[in-house]
Amino acid sequence: MSTVEWTHESQTISADSADHQLSSSSAREHKLTIGTVREKDIGQYTVRLTDKTGTTVLTFSLNLVKE
């Protein structure tokens, strides 16, 4: 069994978040979907996956470019 934790600017994103949708289609595929991207969504996101083999962490930044 694995656990997945998503954070935005070090704050946990909950599964019942109104702004973010979390989904997992398998033990190896996990998604964060932002329906409408707003300025408050800008920043650093981290996903932490922990299972019997250890922990994997991926961090990325979301930037908004206004045209």
N, C-alpha and C. Protein backbone atom coordinates (compact mmCIF):
# COMPACT_ATOMS: atom_id res chain seq x y z
N MET A 1 0.84 -1.19 0.00
CA MET A 1 0.00 0.00 0.00
C MET A 1 0.88 1.24 0.00
N SER A 2 0.47 2.24 -0.74
CA SER A 2 1.25 3.47 -0.82
C SER A 2 0.42 4.65 -0.33
N THR A 3 1.13 5.69 0.08
CA THR A 3 0.46 6.94 0.44
C THR A 3 1.00 8.04 -0.46
N VAL A 4 0.12 8.98 -0.80
CA VAL A 4 0.49 10.10 -1.66
C VAL A 4 0.08 11.38 -0.95
N GLU A 5 1.00 12.34 -0.87
CA GLU A 5 0.70 13.63 -0.26
C GLU A 5 1.11 14.73 -1.23
N TRP A 6 0.18 15.63 -1.51
CA TRP A 6 0.44 16.80 -2.35
C TRP A 6 0.47 18.03 -1.45
N THR A 7 1.43 18.94 -1.73
CA THR A 7 1.46 20.21 -1.02
C THR A 7 1.64 21.35 -2.01
N HIS A 8 1.16 22.52 -1.59
CA HIS A 8 1.37 23.77 -2.34
C HIS A 8 1.92 24.76 -1.34
N GLU A 9 3.13 25.25 -1.60
CA GLU A 9 3.81 26.16 -0.68
C GLU A 9 3.82 25.60 0.74
N SER A 10 4.14 24.31 0.85
CA SER A 10 4.27 23.57 2.12
C SER A 10 2.95 23.34 2.85
N GLN A 11 1.83 23.68 2.24
CA GLN A 11 0.51 23.44 2.83
C GLN A 11 -0.12 22.23 2.16
N THR A 12 -0.61 21.27 2.94
CA THR A 12 -1.21 20.06 2.39
C THR A 12 -2.44 20.39 1.57
N ILE A 13 -2.54 19.78 0.40
CA ILE A 13 -3.74 19.89 -0.45
C ILE A 13 -4.63 18.71 -0.08
N SER A 14 -5.82 19.00 0.40
CA SER A 14 -6.71 17.93 0.83
C SER A 14 -7.49 17.35 -0.35
N ALA A 15 -7.94 16.12 -0.18
CA ALA A 15 -8.68 15.43 -1.24
C ALA A 15 -10.00 16.12 -1.55
N ASP A 16 -10.54 16.88 -0.60
CA ASP A 16 -11.81 17.57 -0.82
C ASP A 16 -11.64 19.06 -1.14
N SER A 17 -10.46 19.42 -1.62
CA SER A 17 -10.16 20.81 -1.98
C SER A 17 -11.09 21.28 -3.10
N ALA A 18 -11.59 22.49 -2.97
CA ALA A 18 -12.46 23.07 -4.00
C ALA A 18 -11.66 23.53 -5.22
N ASP A 19 -10.37 23.82 -5.02
CA ASP A 19 -9.55 24.38 -6.10
C ASP A 19 -8.70 23.35 -6.83
N HIS A 20 -8.46 22.21 -6.21
CA HIS A 20 -7.58 21.19 -6.77
C HIS A 20 -8.27 19.84 -6.76
N GLN A 21 -8.06 19.08 -7.82
CA GLN A 21 -8.60 17.72 -7.87
C GLN A 21 -7.43 16.75 -7.86
N LEU A 22 -7.47 15.81 -6.91
CA LEU A 22 -6.42 14.79 -6.80
C LEU A 22 -7.00 13.48 -7.30
N SER A 23 -6.23 12.76 -8.10
CA SER A 23 -6.70 11.46 -8.59
C SER A 23 -5.53 10.51 -8.76
N SER A 24 -5.84 9.22 -8.64
CA SER A 24 -4.86 8.15 -8.84
C SER A 24 -5.53 7.08 -9.68
N SER A 25 -4.94 6.77 -10.82
CA SER A 25 -5.53 5.73 -11.67
C SER A 25 -4.85 4.38 -11.46
N SER A 26 -3.73 4.41 -10.75
CA SER A 26 -3.01 3.18 -10.42
C SER A 26 -2.01 3.52 -9.32
N ALA A 27 -1.29 2.52 -8.87
CA ALA A 27 -0.27 2.76 -7.84
C ALA A 27 0.88 3.59 -8.37
N ARG A 28 0.97 3.71 -9.69
CA ARG A 28 2.09 4.43 -10.32
C ARG A 28 1.69 5.74 -10.99
N GLU A 29 0.42 6.08 -11.00
CA GLU A 29 -0.02 7.30 -11.68
C GLU A 29 -0.91 8.13 -10.77
N HIS A 30 -0.42 9.34 -10.45
CA HIS A 30 -1.13 10.23 -9.54
C HIS A 30 -1.18 11.61 -10.19
N LYS A 31 -2.36 12.26 -10.12
CA LYS A 31 -2.54 13.55 -10.80
C LYS A 31 -3.07 14.61 -9.87
N LEU A 32 -2.62 15.82 -10.10
CA LEU A 32 -3.16 17.02 -9.49
C LEU A 32 -3.70 17.86 -10.64
N THR A 33 -4.98 18.19 -10.58
CA THR A 33 -5.60 19.00 -11.62
C THR A 33 -6.10 20.31 -11.01
N ILE A 34 -5.76 21.41 -11.65
CA ILE A 34 -6.25 22.72 -11.24
C ILE A 34 -7.23 23.15 -12.32
N GLY A 35 -8.52 23.25 -11.95
CA GLY A 35 -9.57 23.55 -12.93
C GLY A 35 -9.36 24.89 -13.63
N THR A 36 -9.31 25.94 -12.87
CA THR A 36 -9.06 27.28 -13.39
C THR A 36 -7.86 27.84 -12.66
N VAL A 37 -6.77 28.05 -13.37
CA VAL A 37 -5.54 28.54 -12.75
C VAL A 37 -5.68 30.03 -12.45
N ARG A 38 -5.39 30.37 -11.20
CA ARG A 38 -5.43 31.76 -10.75
C ARG A 38 -4.10 32.13 -10.13
N GLU A 39 -3.91 33.40 -9.87
CA GLU A 39 -2.63 33.86 -9.31
C GLU A 39 -2.31 33.16 -7.99
N LYS A 40 -3.33 32.82 -7.19
CA LYS A 40 -3.06 32.16 -5.91
C LYS A 40 -2.49 30.75 -6.09
N ASP A 41 -2.59 30.19 -7.31
CA ASP A 41 -2.06 28.86 -7.59
C ASP A 41 -0.57 28.87 -7.93
N ILE A 42 -0.01 30.05 -8.16
CA ILE A 42 1.41 30.18 -8.48
C ILE A 42 2.23 29.70 -7.28
N GLY A 43 3.31 29.02 -7.56
CA GLY A 43 4.21 28.63 -6.48
C GLY A 43 4.74 27.22 -6.61
N GLN A 44 5.28 26.74 -5.52
CA GLN A 44 5.94 25.43 -5.50
C GLN A 44 4.95 24.35 -5.06
N TYR A 45 4.93 23.27 -5.83
CA TYR A 45 4.11 22.09 -5.53
C TYR A 45 5.05 20.92 -5.29
N THR A 46 4.65 20.06 -4.37
CA THR A 46 5.43 18.86 -4.07
C THR A 46 4.48 17.68 -3.95
N VAL A 47 4.87 16.56 -4.53
CA VAL A 47 4.16 15.31 -4.32
C VAL A 47 5.13 14.33 -3.69
N ARG A 48 4.66 13.67 -2.63
CA ARG A 48 5.49 12.70 -1.90
C ARG A 48 4.78 11.36 -1.92
N LEU A 49 5.41 10.37 -2.51
CA LEU A 49 4.86 9.02 -2.59
C LEU A 49 5.69 8.11 -1.70
N THR A 50 5.02 7.42 -0.78
CA THR A 50 5.70 6.51 0.13
C THR A 50 5.07 5.13 -0.01
N ASP A 51 5.92 4.12 -0.21
CA ASP A 51 5.45 2.74 -0.25
C ASP A 51 6.50 1.85 0.41
N LYS A 52 6.32 0.55 0.29
CA LYS A 52 7.22 -0.37 0.99
C LYS A 52 8.67 -0.28 0.53
N THR A 53 8.92 0.30 -0.65
CA THR A 53 10.29 0.42 -1.15
C THR A 53 10.96 1.73 -0.74
N GLY A 54 10.19 2.67 -0.18
CA GLY A 54 10.77 3.94 0.24
C GLY A 54 9.89 5.12 -0.12
N THR A 55 10.51 6.27 -0.23
CA THR A 55 9.80 7.53 -0.50
C THR A 55 10.40 8.20 -1.73
N THR A 56 9.52 8.69 -2.60
CA THR A 56 9.93 9.46 -3.76
C THR A 56 9.27 10.83 -3.66
N VAL A 57 10.06 11.88 -3.91
CA VAL A 57 9.55 13.25 -3.82
C VAL A 57 9.82 13.96 -5.13
N LEU A 58 8.79 14.64 -5.65
CA LEU A 58 8.94 15.46 -6.86
C LEU A 58 8.44 16.86 -6.52
N THR A 59 9.24 17.86 -6.83
CA THR A 59 8.87 19.26 -6.59
C THR A 59 8.94 20.01 -7.90
N PHE A 60 7.94 20.85 -8.13
CA PHE A 60 7.92 21.67 -9.34
C PHE A 60 7.29 23.01 -9.03
N SER A 61 7.51 23.98 -9.90
CA SER A 61 6.93 25.30 -9.74
C SER A 61 5.93 25.59 -10.83
N LEU A 62 4.87 26.27 -10.46
CA LEU A 62 3.88 26.73 -11.42
C LEU A 62 3.99 28.23 -11.53
N ASN A 63 4.21 28.71 -12.74
CA ASN A 63 4.29 30.14 -13.01
C ASN A 63 3.16 30.51 -13.93
N LEU A 64 2.66 31.71 -13.82
CA LEU A 64 1.57 32.20 -14.64
C LEU A 64 2.10 33.32 -15.52
N VAL A 65 1.93 33.18 -16.82
CA VAL A 65 2.39 34.20 -17.77
C VAL A 65 1.17 34.89 -18.33
N LYS A 66 1.06 36.19 -18.11
CA LYS A 66 -0.07 36.96 -18.63
C LYS A 66 0.30 37.47 -20.01
N GLU A 67 -0.64 37.32 -20.91
CA GLU A 67 -0.39 37.80 -22.29
C GLU A 67 -1.22 39.01 -22.58
